[in-house]
PDB file of all heavy atoms in Angstrom:
ATOM      1  N   GLN A   1       0.859  -1.208   0.006  1.00  0.00           N
ATOM      2  CA  GLN A   1       0.015   0.014   0.021  1.00  0.00           C
ATOM      3  C   GLN A   1       0.897   1.253   0.004  1.00  0.00           C
ATOM      4  O   GLN A   1       1.929   1.270   0.608  1.00  0.00           O
ATOM      5  CB  GLN A   1      -0.890   0.006   1.255  1.00  0.00           C
ATOM      6  CG  GLN A   1      -1.721  -1.224   1.478  1.00  0.00           C
ATOM      7  CD  GLN A   1      -3.018  -1.203   0.703  1.00  0.00           C
ATOM      8  OE1 GLN A   1      -3.373  -0.236   0.090  1.00  0.00           O
ATOM      9  NE2 GLN A   1      -3.701  -2.333   0.718  1.00  0.00           N
ATOM     10  N   ASP A   2       0.415   2.261  -0.688  1.00  0.00           N
ATOM     11  CA  ASP A   2       1.042   3.598  -0.552  1.00  0.00           C
ATOM     12  C   ASP A   2       0.153   4.435   0.345  1.00  0.00           C
ATOM     13  O   ASP A   2      -1.053   4.224   0.502  1.00  0.00           O
ATOM     14  CB  ASP A   2       1.097   4.295  -1.925  1.00  0.00           C
ATOM     15  CG  ASP A   2       2.298   3.776  -2.685  1.00  0.00           C
ATOM     16  OD1 ASP A   2       3.260   3.325  -2.056  1.00  0.00           O
ATOM     17  OD2 ASP A   2       2.238   3.812  -3.928  1.00  0.00           O
ATOM     18  N   SER A   3       0.761   5.433   0.961  1.00  0.00           N
ATOM     19  CA  SER A   3      -0.032   6.255   1.893  1.00  0.00           C
ATOM     20  C   SER A   3      -1.164   6.977   1.229  1.00  0.00           C
ATOM     21  O   SER A   3      -2.160   7.335   1.893  1.00  0.00           O
ATOM     22  CB  SER A   3       0.909   7.320   2.546  1.00  0.00           C
ATOM     23  OG  SER A   3       1.527   8.108   1.533  1.00  0.00           O
ATOM     24  N   ARG A   4      -1.106   7.212  -0.102  1.00  0.00           N
ATOM     25  CA  ARG A   4      -2.168   7.876  -0.798  1.00  0.00           C
ATOM     26  C   ARG A   4      -3.297   6.942  -1.134  1.00  0.00           C
ATOM     27  O   ARG A   4      -4.338   7.367  -1.579  1.00  0.00           O
ATOM     28  CB  ARG A   4      -1.620   8.502  -2.082  1.00  0.00           C
ATOM     29  CG  ARG A   4      -0.595   9.633  -1.827  1.00  0.00           C
ATOM     30  CD  ARG A   4       0.115   9.997  -3.081  1.00  0.00           C
ATOM     31  NE  ARG A   4       0.893   8.857  -3.614  1.00  0.00           N
ATOM     32  CZ  ARG A   4       1.604   8.888  -4.724  1.00  0.00           C
ATOM     33  NH1 ARG A   4       1.597   9.996  -5.499  1.00  0.00           N
ATOM     34  NH2 ARG A   4       2.284   7.834  -5.128  1.00  0.00           N
ATOM     35  N   GLU A   5      -3.104   5.653  -1.026  1.00  0.00           N
ATOM     36  CA  GLU A   5      -4.061   4.663  -1.391  1.00  0.00           C
ATOM     37  C   GLU A   5      -5.090   4.491  -0.304  1.00  0.00           C
ATOM     38  O   GLU A   5      -4.992   5.003   0.767  1.00  0.00           O
ATOM     39  CB  GLU A   5      -3.429   3.347  -1.776  1.00  0.00           C
ATOM     40  CG  GLU A   5      -2.514   3.406  -2.982  1.00  0.00           C
ATOM     41  CD  GLU A   5      -2.014   2.060  -3.355  1.00  0.00           C
ATOM     42  OE1 GLU A   5      -2.864   1.246  -3.858  1.00  0.00           O
ATOM     43  OE2 GLU A   5      -0.850   1.771  -3.158  1.00  0.00           O
ATOM     44  N   ARG A   6      -6.060   3.648  -0.606  1.00  0.00           N
ATOM     45  CA  ARG A   6      -7.067   3.289   0.381  1.00  0.00           C
ATOM     46  C   ARG A   6      -6.396   2.591   1.550  1.00  0.00           C
ATOM     47  O   ARG A   6      -5.262   2.072   1.440  1.00  0.00           O
ATOM     48  CB  ARG A   6      -8.093   2.323  -0.275  1.00  0.00           C
ATOM     49  CG  ARG A   6      -7.467   1.135  -0.899  1.00  0.00           C
ATOM     50  CD  ARG A   6      -8.511   0.321  -1.660  1.00  0.00           C
ATOM     51  NE  ARG A   6      -7.879  -0.818  -2.286  1.00  0.00           N
ATOM     52  CZ  ARG A   6      -8.549  -1.805  -2.887  1.00  0.00           C
ATOM     53  NH1 ARG A   6      -9.848  -1.741  -2.932  1.00  0.00           N
ATOM     54  NH2 ARG A   6      -7.911  -2.794  -3.478  1.00  0.00           N
ATOM     55  N   THR A   7      -7.113   2.469   2.640  1.00  0.00           N
ATOM     56  CA  THR A   7      -6.567   1.855   3.802  1.00  0.00           C
ATOM     57  C   THR A   7      -6.465   0.339   3.674  1.00  0.00           C
ATOM     58  O   THR A   7      -7.078  -0.247   2.769  1.00  0.00           O
ATOM     59  CB  THR A   7      -7.466   2.170   5.031  1.00  0.00           C
ATOM     60  OG1 THR A   7      -8.715   1.565   4.835  1.00  0.00           O
ATOM     61  CG2 THR A   7      -7.585   3.656   5.221  1.00  0.00           C
ATOM     62  N   VAL A   8      -5.697  -0.293   4.572  1.00  0.00           N
ATOM     63  CA  VAL A   8      -5.560  -1.734   4.553  1.00  0.00           C
ATOM     64  C   VAL A   8      -6.904  -2.416   4.722  1.00  0.00           C
ATOM     65  O   VAL A   8      -7.166  -3.472   4.161  1.00  0.00           O
ATOM     66  CB  VAL A   8      -4.571  -2.135   5.631  1.00  0.00           C
ATOM     67  CG1 VAL A   8      -4.480  -3.669   5.716  1.00  0.00           C
ATOM     68  CG2 VAL A   8      -3.158  -1.572   5.340  1.00  0.00           C
ATOM     69  N   ALA A   9      -7.755  -1.813   5.518  1.00  0.00           N
ATOM     70  CA  ALA A   9      -9.064  -2.420   5.758  1.00  0.00           C
ATOM     71  C   ALA A   9      -9.862  -2.667   4.516  1.00  0.00           C
ATOM     72  O   ALA A   9     -10.718  -3.568   4.506  1.00  0.00           O
ATOM     73  CB  ALA A   9      -9.852  -1.559   6.761  1.00  0.00           C
ATOM     74  N   ALA A  10      -9.575  -1.923   3.438  1.00  0.00           N
ATOM     75  CA  ALA A  10     -10.378  -2.094   2.242  1.00  0.00           C
ATOM     76  C   ALA A  10     -10.104  -3.452   1.588  1.00  0.00           C
ATOM     77  O   ALA A  10     -10.970  -3.947   0.858  1.00  0.00           O
ATOM     78  CB  ALA A  10     -10.010  -0.964   1.230  1.00  0.00           C
ATOM     79  N   ASP A  11      -8.950  -4.022   1.815  1.00  0.00           N
ATOM     80  CA  ASP A  11      -8.617  -5.314   1.210  1.00  0.00           C
ATOM     81  C   ASP A  11      -8.969  -6.501   2.130  1.00  0.00           C
ATOM     82  O   ASP A  11      -8.952  -7.651   1.673  1.00  0.00           O
ATOM     83  CB  ASP A  11      -7.112  -5.398   0.898  1.00  0.00           C
ATOM     84  CG  ASP A  11      -6.766  -4.576  -0.342  1.00  0.00           C
ATOM     85  OD1 ASP A  11      -7.595  -4.576  -1.286  1.00  0.00           O
ATOM     86  OD2 ASP A  11      -5.687  -3.966  -0.377  1.00  0.00           O
ATOM     87  N   LEU A  12      -9.347  -6.204   3.352  1.00  0.00           N
ATOM     88  CA  LEU A  12      -9.540  -7.315   4.292  1.00  0.00           C
ATOM     89  C   LEU A  12     -10.723  -8.245   3.858  1.00  0.00           C
ATOM     90  O   LEU A  12     -10.600  -9.430   4.016  1.00  0.00           O
ATOM     91  CB  LEU A  12      -9.808  -6.752   5.668  1.00  0.00           C
ATOM     92  CG  LEU A  12      -8.584  -6.158   6.400  1.00  0.00           C
ATOM     93  CD1 LEU A  12      -8.946  -5.692   7.812  1.00  0.00           C
ATOM     94  CD2 LEU A  12      -7.459  -7.167   6.476  1.00  0.00           C
ATOM     95  N   PRO A  13     -11.831  -7.717   3.343  1.00  0.00           N
ATOM     96  CA  PRO A  13     -12.891  -8.658   2.911  1.00  0.00           C
ATOM     97  C   PRO A  13     -12.433  -9.624   1.804  1.00  0.00           C
ATOM     98  O   PRO A  13     -12.784 -10.802   1.849  1.00  0.00           O
ATOM     99  CB  PRO A  13     -13.981  -7.697   2.360  1.00  0.00           C
ATOM    100  CG  PRO A  13     -13.729  -6.428   3.081  1.00  0.00           C
ATOM    101  CD  PRO A  13     -12.266  -6.304   3.230  1.00  0.00           C
ATOM    102  N   LEU A  14     -11.626  -9.144   0.818  1.00  0.00           N
ATOM    103  CA  LEU A  14     -11.110  -9.998  -0.207  1.00  0.00           C
ATOM    104  C   LEU A  14     -10.121 -11.008   0.344  1.00  0.00           C
ATOM    105  O   LEU A  14     -10.166 -12.213  -0.035  1.00  0.00           O
ATOM    106  CB  LEU A  14     -10.481  -9.174  -1.304  1.00  0.00           C
ATOM    107  CG  LEU A  14     -11.426  -8.361  -2.192  1.00  0.00           C
ATOM    108  CD1 LEU A  14     -10.621  -7.526  -3.184  1.00  0.00           C
ATOM    109  CD2 LEU A  14     -12.381  -9.302  -2.953  1.00  0.00           C
ATOM    110  N   ILE A  15      -9.277 -10.539   1.256  1.00  0.00           N
ATOM    111  CA  ILE A  15      -8.302 -11.470   1.916  1.00  0.00           C
ATOM    112  C   ILE A  15      -9.060 -12.531   2.629  1.00  0.00           C
ATOM    113  O   ILE A  15      -8.722 -13.763   2.535  1.00  0.00           O
ATOM    114  CB  ILE A  15      -7.372 -10.666   2.828  1.00  0.00           C
ATOM    115  CG1 ILE A  15      -6.473  -9.707   1.990  1.00  0.00           C
ATOM    116  CG2 ILE A  15      -6.483 -11.657   3.628  1.00  0.00           C
ATOM    117  CD1 ILE A  15      -5.649  -8.807   2.846  1.00  0.00           C
ATOM    118  N   ALA A  16     -10.084 -12.124   3.393  1.00  0.00           N
ATOM    119  CA  ALA A  16     -10.860 -13.111   4.186  1.00  0.00           C
ATOM    120  C   ALA A  16     -11.595 -14.073   3.261  1.00  0.00           C
ATOM    121  O   ALA A  16     -11.639 -15.268   3.531  1.00  0.00           O
ATOM    122  CB  ALA A  16     -11.867 -12.376   5.054  1.00  0.00           C
ATOM    123  N   LEU A  17     -12.111 -13.615   2.149  1.00  0.00           N
ATOM    124  CA  LEU A  17     -12.826 -14.474   1.201  1.00  0.00           C
ATOM    125  C   LEU A  17     -11.860 -15.537   0.627  1.00  0.00           C
ATOM    126  O   LEU A  17     -12.239 -16.720   0.539  1.00  0.00           O
ATOM    127  CB  LEU A  17     -13.424 -13.634   0.084  1.00  0.00           C
ATOM    128  CG  LEU A  17     -14.184 -14.443  -0.980  1.00  0.00           C
ATOM    129  CD1 LEU A  17     -15.399 -15.122  -0.382  1.00  0.00           C
ATOM    130  CD2 LEU A  17     -14.628 -13.468  -2.138  1.00  0.00           C
ATOM    131  N   VAL A  18     -10.688 -15.109   0.214  1.00  0.00           N
ATOM    132  CA  VAL A  18      -9.724 -16.083  -0.344  1.00  0.00           C
ATOM    133  C   VAL A  18      -9.286 -17.068   0.758  1.00  0.00           C
ATOM    134  O   VAL A  18      -9.127 -18.289   0.477  1.00  0.00           O
ATOM    135  CB  VAL A  18      -8.527 -15.321  -0.930  1.00  0.00           C
ATOM    136  CG1 VAL A  18      -7.414 -16.332  -1.375  1.00  0.00           C
ATOM    137  CG2 VAL A  18      -8.945 -14.457  -2.060  1.00  0.00           C
ATOM    138  N   ALA A  19      -9.079 -16.557   1.995  1.00  0.00           N
ATOM    139  CA  ALA A  19      -8.665 -17.424   3.061  1.00  0.00           C
ATOM    140  C   ALA A  19      -9.721 -18.513   3.356  1.00  0.00           C
ATOM    141  O   ALA A  19      -9.428 -19.676   3.576  1.00  0.00           O
ATOM    142  CB  ALA A  19      -8.369 -16.617   4.321  1.00  0.00           C
ATOM    143  N   VAL A  20     -11.025 -18.062   3.344  1.00  0.00           N
ATOM    144  CA  VAL A  20     -12.095 -19.006   3.567  1.00  0.00           C
ATOM    145  C   VAL A  20     -12.131 -20.076   2.441  1.00  0.00           C
ATOM    146  O   VAL A  20     -12.348 -21.283   2.705  1.00  0.00           O
ATOM    147  CB  VAL A  20     -13.424 -18.311   3.712  1.00  0.00           C
ATOM    148  CG1 VAL A  20     -14.568 -19.274   3.661  1.00  0.00           C
ATOM    149  CG2 VAL A  20     -13.465 -17.461   4.974  1.00  0.00           C
ATOM    150  N   ALA A  21     -11.958 -19.602   1.205  1.00  0.00           N
ATOM    151  CA  ALA A  21     -11.949 -20.504   0.063  1.00  0.00           C
ATOM    152  C   ALA A  21     -10.801 -21.500   0.159  1.00  0.00           C
ATOM    153  O   ALA A  21     -10.942 -22.703  -0.117  1.00  0.00           O
ATOM    154  CB  ALA A  21     -11.843 -19.748  -1.237  1.00  0.00           C
ATOM    155  N   ALA A  22      -9.645 -21.032   0.599  1.00  0.00           N
ATOM    156  CA  ALA A  22      -8.468 -21.901   0.754  1.00  0.00           C
ATOM    157  C   ALA A  22      -8.764 -22.966   1.827  1.00  0.00           C
ATOM    158  O   ALA A  22      -8.456 -24.152   1.629  1.00  0.00           O
ATOM    159  CB  ALA A  22      -7.257 -21.089   1.147  1.00  0.00           C
ATOM    160  N   PHE A  23      -9.284 -22.543   2.926  1.00  0.00           N
ATOM    161  CA  PHE A  23      -9.594 -23.470   4.039  1.00  0.00           C
ATOM    162  C   PHE A  23     -10.682 -24.460   3.590  1.00  0.00           C
ATOM    163  O   PHE A  23     -10.585 -25.671   3.864  1.00  0.00           O
ATOM    164  CB  PHE A  23     -10.048 -22.720   5.290  1.00  0.00           C
ATOM    165  CG  PHE A  23     -10.256 -23.548   6.512  1.00  0.00           C
ATOM    166  CD1 PHE A  23      -9.146 -23.999   7.196  1.00  0.00           C
ATOM    167  CD2 PHE A  23     -11.510 -23.951   6.880  1.00  0.00           C
ATOM    168  CE1 PHE A  23      -9.301 -24.808   8.331  1.00  0.00           C
ATOM    169  CE2 PHE A  23     -11.670 -24.711   8.033  1.00  0.00           C
ATOM    170  CZ  PHE A  23     -10.543 -25.179   8.744  1.00  0.00           C
ATOM    171  N   GLY A  24     -11.706 -23.953   2.936  1.00  0.00           N
ATOM    172  CA  GLY A  24     -12.774 -24.880   2.481  1.00  0.00           C
ATOM    173  C   GLY A  24     -12.357 -25.849   1.481  1.00  0.00           C
ATOM    174  O   GLY A  24     -12.691 -27.087   1.580  1.00  0.00           O
ATOM    175  N   GLY A  25     -11.624 -25.420   0.485  1.00  0.00           N
ATOM    176  CA  GLY A  25     -11.180 -26.309  -0.579  1.00  0.00           C
ATOM    177  C   GLY A  25     -10.155 -27.320  -0.201  1.00  0.00           C
ATOM    178  O   GLY A  25     -10.002 -28.377  -0.869  1.00  0.00           O
ATOM    179  N   ASN A  26      -9.373 -27.012   0.858  1.00  0.00           N
ATOM    180  CA  ASN A  26      -8.264 -27.872   1.197  1.00  0.00           C
ATOM    181  C   ASN A  26      -8.336 -28.491   2.598  1.00  0.00           C
ATOM    182  O   ASN A  26      -7.484 -29.350   2.898  1.00  0.00           O
ATOM    183  CB  ASN A  26      -6.947 -27.087   1.133  1.00  0.00           C
ATOM    184  CG  ASN A  26      -6.642 -26.562  -0.294  1.00  0.00           C
ATOM    185  OD1 ASN A  26      -6.133 -27.332  -1.123  1.00  0.00           O
ATOM    186  ND2 ASN A  26      -6.973 -25.321  -0.575  1.00  0.00           N
ATOM    187  N   VAL A  27      -9.390 -28.153   3.293  1.00  0.00           N
ATOM    188  CA  VAL A  27      -9.581 -28.750   4.644  1.00  0.00           C
ATOM    189  C   VAL A  27     -10.956 -29.276   4.798  1.00  0.00           C
ATOM    190  O   VAL A  27     -11.219 -30.430   5.189  1.00  0.00           O
ATOM    191  CB  VAL A  27      -9.209 -27.732   5.751  1.00  0.00           C
ATOM    192  CG1 VAL A  27      -9.460 -28.376   7.144  1.00  0.00           C
ATOM    193  CG2 VAL A  27      -7.792 -27.285   5.630  1.00  0.00           C
ATOM    194  N   LEU A  28     -11.969 -28.427   4.560  1.00  0.00           N
ATOM    195  CA  LEU A  28     -13.352 -28.797   4.834  1.00  0.00           C
ATOM    196  C   LEU A  28     -13.921 -29.806   3.852  1.00  0.00           C
ATOM    197  O   LEU A  28     -14.610 -30.736   4.195  1.00  0.00           O
ATOM    198  CB  LEU A  28     -14.257 -27.556   4.861  1.00  0.00           C
ATOM    199  CG  LEU A  28     -13.948 -26.519   6.001  1.00  0.00           C
ATOM    200  CD1 LEU A  28     -14.918 -25.403   5.969  1.00  0.00           C
ATOM    201  CD2 LEU A  28     -14.014 -27.248   7.377  1.00  0.00           C
ATOM    202  N   LEU A  29     -13.690 -29.580   2.544  1.00  0.00           N
ATOM    203  CA  LEU A  29     -14.161 -30.562   1.530  1.00  0.00           C
ATOM    204  C   LEU A  29     -13.513 -31.874   1.720  1.00  0.00           C
ATOM    205  O   LEU A  29     -12.343 -31.951   2.144  1.00  0.00           O
ATOM    206  CB  LEU A  29     -13.878 -30.016   0.145  1.00  0.00           C
ATOM    207  CG  LEU A  29     -14.726 -28.795  -0.327  1.00  0.00           C
ATOM    208  CD1 LEU A  29     -14.327 -28.409  -1.780  1.00  0.00           C
ATOM    209  CD2 LEU A  29     -16.212 -29.140  -0.290  1.00  0.00           C
ATOM    210  N   PRO A  30     -14.215 -32.961   1.381  1.00  0.00           N
ATOM    211  CA  PRO A  30     -13.618 -34.282   1.563  1.00  0.00           C
ATOM    212  C   PRO A  30     -12.301 -34.415   0.770  1.00  0.00           C
ATOM    213  O   PRO A  30     -12.255 -34.116  -0.403  1.00  0.00           O
ATOM    214  CB  PRO A  30     -14.676 -35.243   0.982  1.00  0.00           C
ATOM    215  CG  PRO A  30     -15.926 -34.457   1.096  1.00  0.00           C
ATOM    216  CD  PRO A  30     -15.579 -33.015   0.881  1.00  0.00           C
ATOM    217  N   GLN A  31     -11.273 -34.829   1.448  1.00  0.00           N
ATOM    218  CA  GLN A  31      -9.955 -34.929   0.842  1.00  0.00           C
ATOM    219  C   GLN A  31      -9.560 -36.411   0.793  1.00  0.00           C
ATOM    220  O   GLN A  31      -9.802 -37.179   1.693  1.00  0.00           O
ATOM    221  CB  GLN A  31      -8.881 -34.170   1.672  1.00  0.00           C
ATOM    222  CG  GLN A  31      -9.259 -32.690   1.915  1.00  0.00           C
ATOM    223  CD  GLN A  31      -9.066 -31.836   0.707  1.00  0.00           C
ATOM    224  OE1 GLN A  31      -8.128 -32.038  -0.081  1.00  0.00           O
ATOM    225  NE2 GLN A  31      -9.973 -30.903   0.516  1.00  0.00           N
ATOM    226  N   GLN A  32      -8.901 -36.800  -0.277  1.00  0.00           N
ATOM    227  CA  GLN A  32      -8.296 -38.102  -0.333  1.00  0.00           C
ATOM    228  C   GLN A  32      -7.045 -38.088   0.527  1.00  0.00           C
ATOM    229  O   GLN A  32      -6.508 -37.008   0.837  1.00  0.00           O
ATOM    230  CB  GLN A  32      -7.951 -38.489  -1.785  1.00  0.00           C
ATOM    231  CG  GLN A  32      -9.162 -38.601  -2.689  1.00  0.00           C
ATOM    232  CD  GLN A  32      -8.819 -39.216  -4.000  1.00  0.00           C
ATOM    233  OE1 GLN A  32      -8.336 -40.359  -4.066  1.00  0.00           O
ATOM    234  NE2 GLN A  32      -9.098 -38.505  -5.111  1.00  0.00           N
ATOM    235  N   ILE A  33      -6.604 -39.267   0.855  1.00  0.00           N
ATOM    236  CA  ILE A  33      -5.337 -39.356   1.616  1.00  0.00           C
ATOM    237  C   ILE A  33      -4.158 -39.126   0.662  1.00  0.00           C
ATOM    238  O   ILE A  33      -4.004 -39.776  -0.337  1.00  0.00           O
ATOM    239  CB  ILE A  33      -5.201 -40.774   2.255  1.00  0.00           C
ATOM    240  CG1 ILE A  33      -6.422 -41.091   3.125  1.00  0.00           C
ATOM    241  CG2 ILE A  33      -3.946 -40.840   3.088  1.00  0.00           C
ATOM    242  CD1 ILE A  33      -6.492 -42.509   3.611  1.00  0.00           C
ATOM    243  N   GLU A  34      -3.366 -38.108   1.029  1.00  0.00           N
ATOM    244  CA  GLU A  34      -2.296 -37.697   0.106  1.00  0.00           C
ATOM    245  C   GLU A  34      -0.973 -37.725   0.813  1.00  0.00           C
ATOM    246  O   GLU A  34      -0.821 -37.367   1.980  1.00  0.00           O
ATOM    247  CB  GLU A  34      -2.580 -36.297  -0.436  1.00  0.00           C
ATOM    248  CG  GLU A  34      -3.806 -36.201  -1.291  1.00  0.00           C
ATOM    249  CD  GLU A  34      -3.991 -34.731  -1.804  1.00  0.00           C
ATOM    250  OE1 GLU A  34      -3.902 -33.821  -1.031  1.00  0.00           O
ATOM    251  OE2 GLU A  34      -4.247 -34.618  -3.021  1.00  0.00           O
ATOM    252  N   THR A  35       0.034 -38.091   0.072  1.00  0.00           N
ATOM    253  CA  THR A  35       1.416 -37.939   0.482  1.00  0.00           C
ATOM    254  C   THR A  35       2.172 -37.212  -0.664  1.00  0.00           C
ATOM    255  O   THR A  35       1.569 -36.864  -1.684  1.00  0.00           O
ATOM    256  CB  THR A  35       2.096 -39.322   0.761  1.00  0.00           C
ATOM    257  OG1 THR A  35       2.261 -40.009  -0.499  1.00  0.00           O
ATOM    258  CG2 THR A  35       1.258 -40.152   1.715  1.00  0.00           C
ATOM    259  N   ALA A  36       3.453 -37.042  -0.488  1.00  0.00           N
ATOM    260  CA  ALA A  36       4.218 -36.370  -1.539  1.00  0.00           C
ATOM    261  C   ALA A  36       4.287 -37.223  -2.814  1.00  0.00           C
ATOM    262  O   ALA A  36       4.601 -36.698  -3.886  1.00  0.00           O
ATOM    263  CB  ALA A  36       5.651 -36.056  -1.042  1.00  0.00           C
ATOM    264  N   TYR A  37       4.004 -38.524  -2.711  1.00  0.00           N
ATOM    265  CA  TYR A  37       4.199 -39.448  -3.827  1.00  0.00           C
ATOM    266  C   TYR A  37       2.915 -39.886  -4.466  1.00  0.00           C
ATOM    267  O   TYR A  37       2.881 -40.195  -5.657  1.00  0.00           O
ATOM    268  CB  TYR A  37       4.980 -40.657  -3.328  1.00  0.00           C
ATOM    269  CG  TYR A  37       6.362 -40.323  -2.814  1.00  0.00           C
ATOM    270  CD1 TYR A  37       6.574 -40.204  -1.446  1.00  0.00           C
ATOM    271  CD2 TYR A  37       7.425 -40.168  -3.704  1.00  0.00           C
ATOM    272  CE1 TYR A  37       7.850 -39.924  -0.951  1.00  0.00           C
ATOM    273  CE2 TYR A  37       8.654 -39.870  -3.205  1.00  0.00           C
ATOM    274  CZ  TYR A  37       8.887 -39.736  -1.851  1.00  0.00           C
ATOM    275  OH  TYR A  37      10.137 -39.435  -1.348  1.00  0.00           O
ATOM    276  N   ALA A  38       1.841 -39.979  -3.722  1.00  0.00           N
ATOM    277  CA  ALA A  38       0.640 -40.597  -4.267  1.00  0.00           C
ATOM    278  C   ALA A  38      -0.601 -40.140  -3.539  1.00  0.00           C
ATOM    279  O   ALA A  38      -0.540 -39.555  -2.417  1.00  0.00           O
ATOM    280  CB  ALA A  38       0.739 -42.115  -4.233  1.00  0.00           C
ATOM    281  N   THR A  39      -1.778 -40.428  -4.168  1.00  0.00           N
ATOM    282  CA  THR A  39      -3.054 -40.170  -3.597  1.00  0.00           C
ATOM    283  C   THR A  39      -3.736 -41.509  -3.312  1.00  0.00           C
ATOM    284  O   THR A  39      -3.786 -42.380  -4.190  1.00  0.00           O
ATOM    285  CB  THR A  39      -3.941 -39.357  -4.529  1.00  0.00           C
ATOM    286  OG1 THR A  39      -3.290 -38.072  -4.749  1.00  0.00           O
ATOM    287  CG2 THR A  39      -5.330 -39.098  -3.961  1.00  0.00           C
ATOM    288  N   TYR A  40      -4.271 -41.705  -2.121  1.00  0.00           N
ATOM    289  CA  TYR A  40      -4.821 -42.965  -1.681  1.00  0.00           C
ATOM    290  C   TYR A  40      -6.306 -42.810  -1.231  1.00  0.00           C
ATOM    291  O   TYR A  40      -6.649 -41.742  -0.712  1.00  0.00           O
ATOM    292  CB  TYR A  40      -4.026 -43.553  -0.491  1.00  0.00           C
ATOM    293  CG  TYR A  40      -2.537 -43.742  -0.741  1.00  0.00           C
ATOM    294  CD1 TYR A  40      -1.640 -42.720  -0.458  1.00  0.00           C
ATOM    295  CD2 TYR A  40      -2.087 -44.900  -1.313  1.00  0.00           C
ATOM    296  CE1 TYR A  40      -0.287 -42.873  -0.653  1.00  0.00           C
ATOM    297  CE2 TYR A  40      -0.723 -45.091  -1.549  1.00  0.00           C
ATOM    298  CZ  TYR A  40       0.157 -44.077  -1.203  1.00  0.00           C
ATOM    299  OH  TYR A  40       1.529 -44.249  -1.442  1.00  0.00           O
TER     300      TYR A  40
END
């Protein structure tokens, strides 16, 4: 951010939305058993 730009709070809703999507897609949704080598 530059001092002339909008405040940090303006981006928080988008950051929160992406964070929720990340958590939902990689934790909440059913996941297969994964390792570095294979999916089980």
